[in-house]
Amino acid sequence: MADFDLGLVWFRRDLRAADNAALYHALTRCRRVLCAFVFDREILSPLAEKDRRVPFIHASAVELDRALREAGGALIVRHGVPVHEIPALARECGVDAVFANRDYEPAAKARDEAVARTLASGNVAFFTFKDQAVFDHDDVMTGAGKPYTVFTPYKRKWLETLAPDALKPYPSEDHLDALAKPPPGAGHAMPSLAALGFPDARGPALPAGASGAFKLFDDFRERMTDYGRMRDFPAMKGPSYLGVHLRHGTVSIRALARSAHDAQRHGDKGAETWLGELIWREFYFSVLHHFPQVGVPGDHRAFKPEYDRIRWETGDAADANFAAWCAGETGYPIVDAAMRQINASGYMHNRLRMIVASFLTKDLGIDWRRGEAYFEALLNDFELSNNNGGWQWAASSGCDAQPYFRIFNPLTQSLKFDAAGTFIRHYVPEIAGLSDRDIHAPWLAKPDALKAAKISLGADYPQPIVDHEAARKRTLARYDVVRGPGAKKTAPRRPDDEND
């Protein structure tokens, strides 16, 4: 016997009908099930009109609606504020319980608490389920019951905690016969991008929806074994490109982790490395939950409090350098190519994210929060926990971060990971005529080489806006000061300090 007569599944970051925890529980606990999605005005309003994520979400919602209709239901679509829309919808339809998958970001938690209170006042139950992570924030803890602050032991415990059924799918697709047609007037037609305020937006150059995720994952499975060897080279097809699908839940994290874990158990080192990246994502989920100061809206704090005392560069010169960094006009080709990639596509290769973040914080001495906010505005796969964790890793202020005395040299990074200049030539075509050696550092090229390539530094391409070695010394002094008189001073420079 069903627990409830009519249930409502509130889709958010889980835009798929298959292996969906909240949908599965609703379908198996309710006699009839409605489905809803809200285009959240509070999230959409601050976005740029050409934000690439909105078309991706829209296309994924259209595909989900089509799948639900084929099974006998439909997606009720609203454009408003979920705190008002979901309780109103539950009241209008006579819903007994609302089912949703958990979201771990602070604003989402506050939203869900408000929705739960309003629903409870109308005697409507509200259930949330683990779906966008294999383990919730309290599932992987130390023996003393404390959160991990170092990744390697977290990863070890994560793998130890992985019981045989932890990666089993929720077969929601097998129970879709419980779907119900929305009552007349409950839903509205799927709004167009123009109606949502994004008439000229174009999505990422990736297939959207669950079908798009399947195509990408199917392709990546053939390449997974090479992931560890290929992932650091931006000109190569190494990554899975599934980040945006993970972000919006068009693919099940359980399916991805299960595939990687199974391959790892058979000795696949590439799969082992990729599974580690999925675990990093959950590590940062845990950090954000247990140390919420790092993600306070509008006031992100350093995980290491002493690093909030750093005197970052400010003023007109810093603002000009930040603008050059944003535009991909720093004079360092690998940095500029990376920034032009994110500006053009909303995507940036992971190795490049580390390079540009190190350059902003440690070459330009600019507050990591400015870079974090820029990425938040542009990244198709933006997740608060990952973005914050990555930036604090680069700035050495975060949990299990890169030591502050390890500073990426953009030139050696460029030579190591784009040796032939293939990636640089694609995004910085004005220097494409330089040799494979000179393209990494045009300012070191001989005049004849620049002339042959028809490049005038300062006119066709900028001179470096900062000297790396001088900047490195300033950064070491900056960090030594904030660490206090009793702290160990700068560690000896190791041969690999600038080649990580």
Protein backbone atom coordinates (compact mmCIF):
# COMPACT_ATOMS: atom_id res chain seq x y z
CA MET A 1 0.00 0.00 0.00
CA ALA A 2 1.26 3.46 -0.87
CA ASP A 3 2.23 5.86 1.92
CA PHE A 4 0.67 8.82 0.12
CA ASP A 5 -2.02 9.34 -2.45
CA LEU A 6 -0.42 12.21 -4.39
CA GLY A 7 3.25 13.13 -4.37
CA LEU A 8 5.18 15.91 -6.08
CA VAL A 9 8.76 15.54 -7.28
CA TRP A 10 10.57 18.86 -7.34
CA PHE A 11 13.39 18.62 -9.87
CA ARG A 12 16.40 20.88 -9.36
CA ARG A 13 19.96 19.65 -9.99
CA ASP A 14 18.74 16.24 -11.16
CA LEU A 15 17.26 16.73 -14.62
CA ARG A 16 16.85 13.08 -15.58
CA ALA A 17 14.19 10.39 -15.23
CA ALA A 18 16.57 7.44 -14.79
CA ASP A 19 18.41 6.54 -11.58
CA ASN A 20 16.91 9.49 -9.72
CA ALA A 21 16.61 8.99 -5.96
CA ALA A 22 13.80 11.45 -5.25
CA LEU A 23 11.78 10.32 -8.26
CA TYR A 24 12.25 6.67 -7.30
CA HIS A 25 11.08 7.22 -3.72
CA ALA A 26 8.09 9.24 -4.84
CA LEU A 27 7.04 6.65 -7.43
CA THR A 28 7.32 3.78 -4.95
CA ARG A 29 5.69 5.57 -2.00
CA CYS A 30 2.84 7.43 -3.73
CA ARG A 31 -0.16 6.19 -5.65
CA ARG A 32 0.16 9.08 -8.11
CA VAL A 33 3.10 11.40 -8.79
CA LEU A 34 3.35 14.87 -10.30
CA CYS A 35 6.64 16.42 -11.39
CA ALA A 36 7.68 20.08 -11.33
CA PHE A 37 10.59 22.35 -12.19
CA VAL A 38 10.95 26.03 -11.33
CA PHE A 39 13.05 28.44 -13.34
CA ASP A 40 14.22 30.33 -10.28
CA ARG A 41 14.01 34.10 -10.74
CA GLU A 42 16.41 34.70 -7.85
CA ILE A 43 19.08 32.64 -9.61
CA LEU A 44 18.37 33.83 -13.16
CA SER A 45 17.93 37.56 -12.55
CA PRO A 46 21.59 38.37 -11.76
CA LEU A 47 22.93 36.39 -14.74
CA ALA A 48 24.20 37.99 -17.93
CA GLU A 49 21.74 37.84 -20.83
CA LYS A 50 24.05 35.54 -22.77
CA ASP A 51 24.77 33.16 -19.89
CA ARG A 52 25.45 29.76 -21.48
CA ARG A 53 24.08 27.70 -18.60
CA VAL A 54 20.49 28.80 -19.06
CA PRO A 55 20.11 27.29 -22.57
CA PHE A 56 21.68 24.07 -21.26
CA ILE A 57 19.21 23.91 -18.36
CA HIS A 58 16.33 24.82 -20.67
CA ALA A 59 17.21 22.13 -23.24
CA SER A 60 17.63 19.57 -20.45
CA ALA A 61 14.24 20.47 -18.95
CA VAL A 62 12.62 20.16 -22.40
CA GLU A 63 14.10 16.68 -22.79
CA LEU A 64 12.99 15.67 -19.28
CA ASP A 65 9.46 16.91 -19.99
CA ARG A 66 9.40 14.85 -23.20
CA ALA A 67 10.51 11.71 -21.33
CA LEU A 68 7.86 12.20 -18.64
CA ARG A 69 5.14 12.80 -21.23
CA GLU A 70 6.07 9.62 -23.08
CA ALA A 71 5.59 7.77 -19.78
CA GLY A 72 2.19 9.30 -19.09
CA GLY A 73 3.11 12.34 -17.01
CA ALA A 74 4.52 15.80 -17.70
CA LEU A 75 6.78 18.42 -16.17
CA ILE A 76 4.89 21.26 -14.49
CA VAL A 77 6.96 24.35 -15.21
CA ARG A 78 6.92 27.58 -13.25
CA HIS A 79 9.00 30.74 -13.54
CA GLY A 80 9.23 32.34 -10.15
CA VAL A 81 10.65 31.95 -6.65
CA PRO A 82 10.57 28.31 -5.45
CA VAL A 83 9.88 29.29 -1.82
CA HIS A 84 6.51 30.55 -3.07
CA GLU A 85 5.93 28.39 -6.14
CA ILE A 86 6.38 24.91 -4.64
CA PRO A 87 4.08 25.37 -1.63
CA ALA A 88 1.52 27.07 -3.87
CA LEU A 89 1.66 24.21 -6.35
CA ALA A 90 1.33 21.63 -3.58
CA ARG A 91 -1.71 23.49 -2.24
CA GLU A 92 -3.34 23.90 -5.66
CA CYS A 93 -2.93 20.22 -6.55
CA GLY A 94 -3.74 18.75 -3.14
CA VAL A 95 -0.32 17.17 -2.76
CA ASP A 96 0.40 15.04 0.32
CA ALA A 97 4.21 15.01 0.11
CA VAL A 98 6.99 16.73 -1.82
CA PHE A 99 10.14 14.81 -2.78
CA ALA A 100 13.46 16.41 -3.78
CA ASN A 101 17.14 15.60 -3.96
CA ARG A 102 19.48 17.45 -1.62
CA ASP A 103 21.44 20.48 -2.68
CA TYR A 104 24.48 21.32 -0.57
CA GLU A 105 25.04 25.00 -1.28
CA PRO A 106 24.19 27.48 1.52
CA ALA A 107 21.53 29.39 -0.42
CA ALA A 108 19.88 26.13 -1.50
CA LYS A 109 19.83 24.83 2.08
CA ALA A 110 18.15 28.04 3.27
CA ARG A 111 15.63 27.79 0.42
CA ASP A 112 14.76 24.18 1.26
CA GLU A 113 14.36 24.97 4.96
CA ALA A 114 11.93 27.77 4.07
CA VAL A 115 9.98 25.49 1.71
CA ALA A 116 9.84 22.75 4.36
CA ARG A 117 8.43 25.16 6.96
CA THR A 118 5.73 26.43 4.62
CA LEU A 119 4.77 22.92 3.52
CA ALA A 120 4.62 21.73 7.13
CA SER A 121 2.20 24.54 7.98
CA GLY A 122 -0.13 23.02 5.40
CA ASN A 123 0.44 19.44 6.64
CA VAL A 124 2.47 18.51 3.55
CA ALA A 125 5.53 16.32 4.14
CA PHE A 126 8.88 17.24 2.62
CA PHE A 127 11.51 14.57 1.96
CA THR A 128 15.02 15.05 0.59
CA PHE A 129 17.42 12.38 -0.63
CA LYS A 130 21.09 11.93 -1.42
CA ASP A 131 21.52 11.98 -5.18
CA GLN A 132 24.21 14.36 -6.43
CA ALA A 133 26.85 12.68 -4.27
CA VAL A 134 27.72 9.09 -3.45
CA PHE A 135 28.22 10.09 0.19
CA ASP A 136 26.67 12.93 2.14
CA HIS A 137 28.85 15.29 4.11
CA ASP A 138 28.56 13.26 7.36
CA ASP A 139 29.02 9.83 5.77
CA VAL A 140 32.81 10.02 5.54
CA MET A 141 34.32 11.12 8.86
CA THR A 142 37.46 10.41 10.86
CA GLY A 143 37.49 7.76 13.58
CA ALA A 144 36.91 10.60 16.06
CA GLY A 145 33.81 11.70 14.17
CA LYS A 146 35.43 14.83 12.77
CA PRO A 147 35.49 16.02 9.15
CA TYR A 148 38.57 15.40 7.07
CA THR A 149 40.64 18.42 6.09
CA VAL A 150 43.21 16.53 4.00
CA PHE A 151 42.17 14.83 0.78
CA THR A 152 44.28 11.65 0.77
CA PRO A 153 42.91 10.20 4.05
CA TYR A 154 39.43 11.33 3.00
CA LYS A 155 39.79 9.44 -0.26
CA ARG A 156 41.04 6.36 1.59
CA LYS A 157 38.06 6.45 3.97
CA TRP A 158 35.67 7.15 1.07
CA LEU A 159 36.84 3.96 -0.65
CA GLU A 160 36.70 1.98 2.60
CA THR A 161 33.13 3.21 3.18
CA LEU A 162 32.04 2.10 -0.28
CA ALA A 163 29.73 -0.80 0.56
CA PRO A 164 28.61 -3.11 -2.30
CA ASP A 165 25.23 -1.37 -2.64
CA ALA A 166 26.51 2.23 -2.38
CA LEU A 167 26.64 2.62 -6.15
CA LYS A 168 23.45 0.73 -6.97
CA PRO A 169 21.08 2.73 -9.16
CA TYR A 170 17.62 3.84 -8.09
CA PRO A 171 15.53 2.29 -10.90
CA SER A 172 13.08 5.16 -11.13
CA GLU A 173 12.59 4.48 -14.82
CA ASP A 174 10.98 1.13 -13.94
CA HIS A 175 8.15 2.75 -11.96
CA LEU A 176 7.00 5.55 -14.24
CA ASP A 177 3.53 4.07 -14.47
CA ALA A 178 2.74 5.97 -11.25
CA LEU A 179 3.18 9.29 -13.06
CA ALA A 180 0.02 11.42 -13.23
CA LYS A 181 -1.09 14.07 -15.68
CA PRO A 182 -1.05 17.55 -14.12
CA PRO A 183 -4.51 18.90 -13.33
CA PRO A 184 -5.79 21.64 -15.66
CA GLY A 185 -4.16 24.98 -14.97
CA ALA A 186 -1.42 23.56 -12.74
CA GLY A 187 1.38 24.07 -15.21
CA HIS A 188 2.36 26.45 -17.91
CA ALA A 189 3.88 25.86 -21.30
CA MET A 190 7.64 25.54 -21.29
CA PRO A 191 8.83 29.17 -21.40
CA SER A 192 11.11 30.18 -24.22
CA LEU A 193 14.59 31.52 -23.54
CA ALA A 194 13.29 34.94 -24.54
CA ALA A 195 10.51 34.70 -21.96
CA LEU A 196 13.09 33.82 -19.34
CA GLY A 197 15.12 36.91 -20.29
CA PHE A 198 17.84 35.20 -22.34
CA PRO A 199 16.86 35.71 -25.98
CA ASP A 200 20.40 35.68 -27.37
CA ALA A 201 21.97 33.07 -25.09
CA ARG A 202 23.70 30.10 -26.69
CA GLY A 203 24.51 27.01 -24.67
CA PRO A 204 27.84 25.22 -24.33
CA ALA A 205 29.08 23.29 -27.34
CA LEU A 206 28.00 20.05 -25.70
CA PRO A 207 24.86 17.93 -26.05
CA ALA A 208 22.37 18.70 -23.28
CA GLY A 209 20.03 16.51 -21.26
CA ALA A 210 20.37 12.91 -20.16
CA SER A 211 20.87 11.82 -23.76
CA GLY A 212 23.77 14.26 -24.11
CA ALA A 213 25.36 12.98 -20.91
CA PHE A 214 25.05 9.42 -22.17
CA LYS A 215 26.78 10.29 -25.45
CA LEU A 216 29.68 11.99 -23.65
CA PHE A 217 30.07 9.21 -21.12
CA ASP A 218 29.88 6.55 -23.80
CA ASP A 219 32.70 8.31 -25.62
CA PHE A 220 34.76 8.80 -22.45
CA ARG A 221 34.54 5.14 -21.42
CA GLU A 222 36.62 4.33 -24.49
CA ARG A 223 39.25 6.86 -23.34
CA MET A 224 39.11 6.42 -19.57
CA THR A 225 42.13 4.15 -19.42
CA ASP A 226 44.24 7.03 -20.85
CA TYR A 227 42.81 9.68 -18.53
CA GLY A 228 45.79 9.79 -16.16
CA ARG A 229 48.19 10.24 -19.07
CA MET A 230 46.12 12.69 -21.14
CA ARG A 231 44.23 14.84 -18.64
CA ASP A 232 46.85 17.58 -18.18
CA PHE A 233 47.25 18.51 -21.85
CA PRO A 234 44.64 21.04 -22.99
CA ALA A 235 45.19 20.38 -26.69
CA MET A 236 44.34 16.69 -26.23
CA LYS A 237 40.97 15.03 -25.76
CA GLY A 238 41.65 13.88 -22.22
CA PRO A 239 38.80 15.02 -19.93
CA SER A 240 35.33 13.53 -19.78
CA TYR A 241 33.63 16.92 -20.40
CA LEU A 242 30.88 15.75 -18.04
CA GLY A 243 31.29 18.57 -15.51
CA VAL A 244 28.25 20.53 -16.67
CA HIS A 245 26.16 17.34 -16.66
CA LEU A 246 27.24 16.53 -13.11
CA ARG A 247 26.43 20.10 -12.10
CA HIS A 248 22.86 19.87 -13.38
CA GLY A 249 22.26 16.20 -12.65
CA THR A 250 21.63 15.07 -16.20
CA VAL A 251 23.83 12.10 -15.33
CA SER A 252 23.90 9.94 -12.20
CA ILE A 253 27.04 10.23 -10.09
CA ARG A 254 26.45 6.61 -9.08
CA ALA A 255 26.68 5.46 -12.71
CA LEU A 256 29.92 7.38 -13.25
CA ALA A 257 31.55 6.23 -10.03
CA ARG A 258 30.41 2.64 -10.58
CA SER A 259 31.99 2.51 -14.03
CA ALA A 260 35.26 4.00 -12.77
CA HIS A 261 35.35 1.83 -9.65
CA ASP A 262 34.73 -1.37 -11.60
CA ALA A 263 37.50 -0.51 -14.06
CA GLN A 264 39.86 0.43 -11.22
CA ARG A 265 39.32 -2.95 -9.58
CA HIS A 266 40.55 -4.51 -12.80
CA GLY A 267 43.77 -2.49 -12.69
CA ASP A 268 42.78 0.46 -14.88
CA LYS A 269 45.00 3.32 -13.64
CA GLY A 270 43.20 5.90 -15.75
CA ALA A 271 39.90 4.95 -14.14
CA GLU A 272 41.53 5.15 -10.72
CA THR A 273 42.70 8.70 -11.43
CA TRP A 274 39.29 9.77 -12.71
CA LEU A 275 37.51 8.24 -9.72
CA GLY A 276 39.85 10.31 -7.57
CA GLU A 277 38.55 13.44 -9.30
CA LEU A 278 34.96 12.45 -8.47
CA ILE A 279 36.03 11.95 -4.86
CA TRP A 280 37.67 15.41 -4.81
CA ARG A 281 34.24 16.82 -5.69
CA GLU A 282 32.69 15.16 -2.65
CA PHE A 283 35.61 16.23 -0.46
CA TYR A 284 34.83 19.85 -1.32
CA PHE A 285 31.12 19.24 -0.64
CA SER A 286 32.16 18.08 2.83
CA VAL A 287 34.47 21.06 3.39
CA LEU A 288 31.71 23.52 2.47
CA HIS A 289 29.27 21.81 4.84
CA HIS A 290 31.56 21.54 7.85
CA PHE A 291 33.33 24.87 7.34
CA PRO A 292 30.54 27.08 5.97
CA GLN A 293 32.60 30.26 6.41
CA VAL A 294 34.34 29.47 3.10
CA GLY A 295 31.06 29.89 1.23
CA VAL A 296 29.18 32.63 3.10
CA PRO A 297 27.25 34.49 0.38
CA GLY A 298 29.08 37.71 -0.43
CA ASP A 299 31.79 37.11 2.17
CA HIS A 300 33.84 34.02 1.39
CA ARG A 301 36.51 33.46 4.02
CA ALA A 302 39.81 31.64 3.82
CA PHE A 303 39.79 28.16 5.29
CA LYS A 304 43.02 29.11 7.03
CA PRO A 305 41.96 32.28 8.92
CA GLU A 306 45.44 33.82 8.93
CA TYR A 307 45.30 34.08 5.15
CA ASP A 308 42.44 36.56 5.42
CA ARG A 309 45.09 39.00 6.64
CA ILE A 310 46.95 38.98 3.33
CA ARG A 311 47.37 42.47 1.89
CA TRP A 312 46.31 41.89 -1.70
CA GLU A 313 47.16 44.36 -4.44
CA THR A 314 44.49 47.04 -4.86
CA GLY A 315 44.07 50.31 -6.71
CA ASP A 316 44.14 51.32 -10.35
CA ALA A 317 47.19 49.20 -11.27
CA ALA A 318 45.68 46.06 -9.74
CA ASP A 319 42.36 46.74 -11.46
CA ALA A 320 44.14 47.15 -14.80
CA ASN A 321 46.01 43.88 -14.26
CA PHE A 322 42.78 42.12 -13.31
CA ALA A 323 41.10 43.43 -16.48
CA ALA A 324 44.05 42.18 -18.56
CA TRP A 325 43.79 38.77 -16.87
CA CYS A 326 40.05 38.59 -17.57
CA ALA A 327 40.51 39.57 -21.21
CA GLY A 328 43.44 37.22 -21.88
CA GLU A 329 45.86 40.09 -22.46
CA THR A 330 48.58 39.45 -19.87
CA GLY A 331 51.43 38.79 -22.29
CA TYR A 332 51.76 35.21 -21.03
CA PRO A 333 50.34 33.08 -23.88
CA ILE A 334 49.24 30.04 -21.83
CA VAL A 335 47.38 32.30 -19.39
CA ASP A 336 45.82 34.32 -22.19
CA ALA A 337 44.77 31.23 -24.14
CA ALA A 338 43.10 29.79 -21.05
CA MET A 339 41.20 32.99 -20.28
CA ARG A 340 40.07 33.31 -23.87
CA GLN A 341 38.84 29.72 -23.72
CA ILE A 342 36.55 30.42 -20.77
CA ASN A 343 35.38 33.71 -22.26
CA ALA A 344 34.53 32.05 -25.57
CA SER A 345 33.01 28.80 -24.30
CA GLY A 346 32.30 28.83 -20.56
CA TYR A 347 34.75 25.95 -20.21
CA MET A 348 38.34 25.83 -19.03
CA HIS A 349 40.61 22.82 -18.89
CA ASN A 350 41.45 21.82 -15.30
CA ARG A 351 45.22 22.22 -15.63
CA LEU A 352 44.64 25.69 -17.01
CA ARG A 353 42.38 26.59 -14.08
CA MET A 354 45.32 25.96 -11.77
CA ILE A 355 47.70 27.96 -13.95
CA VAL A 356 45.51 31.06 -14.26
CA ALA A 357 44.53 30.97 -10.58
CA SER A 358 48.16 30.80 -9.52
CA PHE A 359 48.98 33.63 -11.93
CA LEU A 360 46.23 35.90 -10.58
CA THR A 361 47.01 35.33 -6.91
CA LYS A 362 50.76 34.85 -6.92
CA ASP A 363 52.04 36.71 -9.98
CA LEU A 364 49.58 39.60 -9.85
CA GLY A 365 48.94 39.47 -6.09
CA ILE A 366 45.18 39.85 -6.57
CA ASP A 367 42.64 38.49 -4.10
CA TRP A 368 41.53 34.97 -5.04
CA ARG A 369 37.91 36.00 -4.41
CA ARG A 370 37.97 38.20 -7.51
CA GLY A 371 39.00 35.25 -9.66
CA GLU A 372 36.51 32.99 -7.92
CA ALA A 373 33.69 35.41 -8.74
CA TYR A 374 34.80 35.66 -12.38
CA PHE A 375 34.73 31.89 -12.75
CA GLU A 376 31.35 31.74 -11.03
CA ALA A 377 29.92 34.08 -13.64
CA LEU A 378 31.28 32.13 -16.61
CA LEU A 379 31.84 28.44 -15.88
CA ASN A 380 29.23 26.10 -17.33
CA ASP A 381 30.06 23.55 -14.64
CA PHE A 382 30.20 26.04 -11.75
CA GLU A 383 29.70 24.49 -8.33
CA LEU A 384 30.32 26.68 -5.29
CA SER A 385 32.22 24.01 -3.36
CA ASN A 386 34.51 23.01 -6.24
CA ASN A 387 35.13 26.56 -7.39
CA ASN A 388 35.89 27.80 -3.90
CA GLY A 389 38.04 24.78 -3.13
CA GLY A 390 40.01 25.16 -6.34
CA TRP A 391 40.68 28.85 -5.86
CA GLN A 392 41.68 28.41 -2.23
CA TRP A 393 43.95 25.53 -3.26
CA ALA A 394 45.73 27.82 -5.71
CA ALA A 395 45.92 30.68 -3.20
CA SER A 396 47.25 28.27 -0.52
CA SER A 397 44.54 29.50 1.85
CA GLY A 398 42.34 26.42 1.63
CA CYS A 399 41.88 22.90 2.85
CA ASP A 400 44.80 20.65 1.84
CA ALA A 401 46.00 23.45 -0.44
CA GLN A 402 49.15 23.87 -2.46
CA PRO A 403 51.95 25.13 -0.14
CA TYR A 404 52.24 28.90 -0.39
CA PHE A 405 55.86 28.71 -1.51
CA ARG A 406 54.98 26.60 -4.54
CA ILE A 407 54.25 29.06 -7.31
CA PHE A 408 53.48 27.96 -10.83
CA ASN A 409 55.82 29.40 -13.43
CA PRO A 410 53.55 30.09 -16.43
CA LEU A 411 56.41 29.58 -18.86
CA THR A 412 57.45 26.15 -17.58
CA GLN A 413 53.79 25.13 -17.31
CA SER A 414 53.29 26.16 -20.93
CA LEU A 415 56.34 24.27 -22.15
CA LYS A 416 55.36 21.16 -20.23
CA PHE A 417 51.67 20.93 -21.06
CA ASP A 418 51.39 22.59 -24.49
CA ALA A 419 54.87 21.94 -25.84
CA ALA A 420 53.97 22.39 -29.51
CA GLY A 421 51.84 25.46 -28.77
CA THR A 422 48.76 23.84 -30.31
CA PHE A 423 46.35 25.12 -27.68
CA ILE A 424 47.93 28.56 -27.62
CA ARG A 425 47.71 28.92 -31.40
CA HIS A 426 44.00 28.13 -31.31
CA TYR A 427 43.11 30.84 -28.81
CA VAL A 428 45.90 33.38 -29.40
CA PRO A 429 46.08 33.38 -33.21
CA GLU A 430 47.96 36.67 -33.38
CA ILE A 431 51.16 34.87 -32.32
CA ALA A 432 50.52 31.65 -34.25
CA GLY A 433 53.39 32.36 -36.63
CA LEU A 434 56.02 32.01 -33.91
CA SER A 435 58.05 28.82 -33.57
CA ASP A 436 57.12 26.11 -31.09
CA ARG A 437 59.81 27.50 -28.80
CA ASP A 438 59.07 31.22 -29.09
CA ILE A 439 55.28 30.94 -28.85
CA HIS A 440 55.51 30.28 -25.11
CA ALA A 441 57.43 33.51 -24.42
CA PRO A 442 57.21 36.02 -27.28
CA TRP A 443 59.11 38.60 -25.22
CA LEU A 444 62.18 36.33 -25.39
CA ALA A 445 61.97 35.85 -29.16
CA LYS A 446 64.66 37.48 -31.30
CA PRO A 447 63.65 40.54 -33.31
CA ASP A 448 63.99 38.65 -36.60
CA ALA A 449 61.64 35.93 -35.34
CA LEU A 450 59.04 38.51 -34.32
CA LYS A 451 59.38 40.28 -37.64
CA ALA A 452 58.97 37.04 -39.60
CA ALA A 453 55.82 36.27 -37.61
CA LYS A 454 54.56 39.84 -38.22
CA ILE A 455 54.33 40.59 -34.52
CA SER A 456 55.07 43.88 -32.85
CA LEU A 457 55.05 43.38 -29.08
CA GLY A 458 52.97 46.00 -27.39
CA ALA A 459 50.89 46.48 -30.54
CA ASP A 460 49.89 43.06 -31.87
CA TYR A 461 50.37 41.25 -28.58
CA PRO A 462 51.16 42.69 -25.13
CA GLN A 463 54.43 42.63 -23.31
CA PRO A 464 54.18 40.64 -20.03
CA ILE A 465 52.33 42.75 -17.47
CA VAL A 466 54.49 41.37 -14.67
CA ASP A 467 57.94 39.81 -14.28
CA HIS A 468 57.42 36.35 -12.87
CA GLU A 469 60.59 36.11 -10.79
CA ALA A 470 60.07 39.52 -9.21
CA ALA A 471 56.43 38.65 -8.54
CA ARG A 472 57.47 35.38 -6.94
CA LYS A 473 59.67 37.20 -4.44
CA ARG A 474 56.87 39.64 -3.58
CA THR A 475 54.46 36.75 -3.04
CA LEU A 476 56.79 34.89 -0.70
CA ALA A 477 57.24 38.05 1.36
CA ARG A 478 53.49 38.70 1.35
CA TYR A 479 52.70 35.23 2.69
CA ASP A 480 55.58 35.18 5.19
CA VAL A 481 54.27 38.35 6.82
CA VAL A 482 50.71 37.13 7.41
CA ARG A 483 51.83 33.81 8.82
CA GLY A 484 53.18 35.61 11.88
CA PRO A 485 56.52 35.90 13.69
CA GLY A 486 56.41 32.36 15.07
CA ALA A 487 55.74 30.67 11.76
CA LYS A 488 58.34 28.80 9.77
CA LYS A 489 59.63 31.04 7.02
CA THR A 490 59.78 30.23 3.35
CA ALA A 491 60.80 26.66 2.70
CA PRO A 492 63.84 26.01 0.52
CA ARG A 493 63.06 26.12 -3.15
CA ARG A 494 62.85 22.63 -4.57
CA PRO A 495 63.59 21.65 -8.18
CA ASP A 496 59.93 20.96 -8.86
CA ASP A 497 58.53 24.12 -7.21
CA GLU A 498 57.64 25.60 -10.58
CA ASN A 499 56.95 22.44 -12.54
CA ASP A 500 54.04 20.90 -10.70
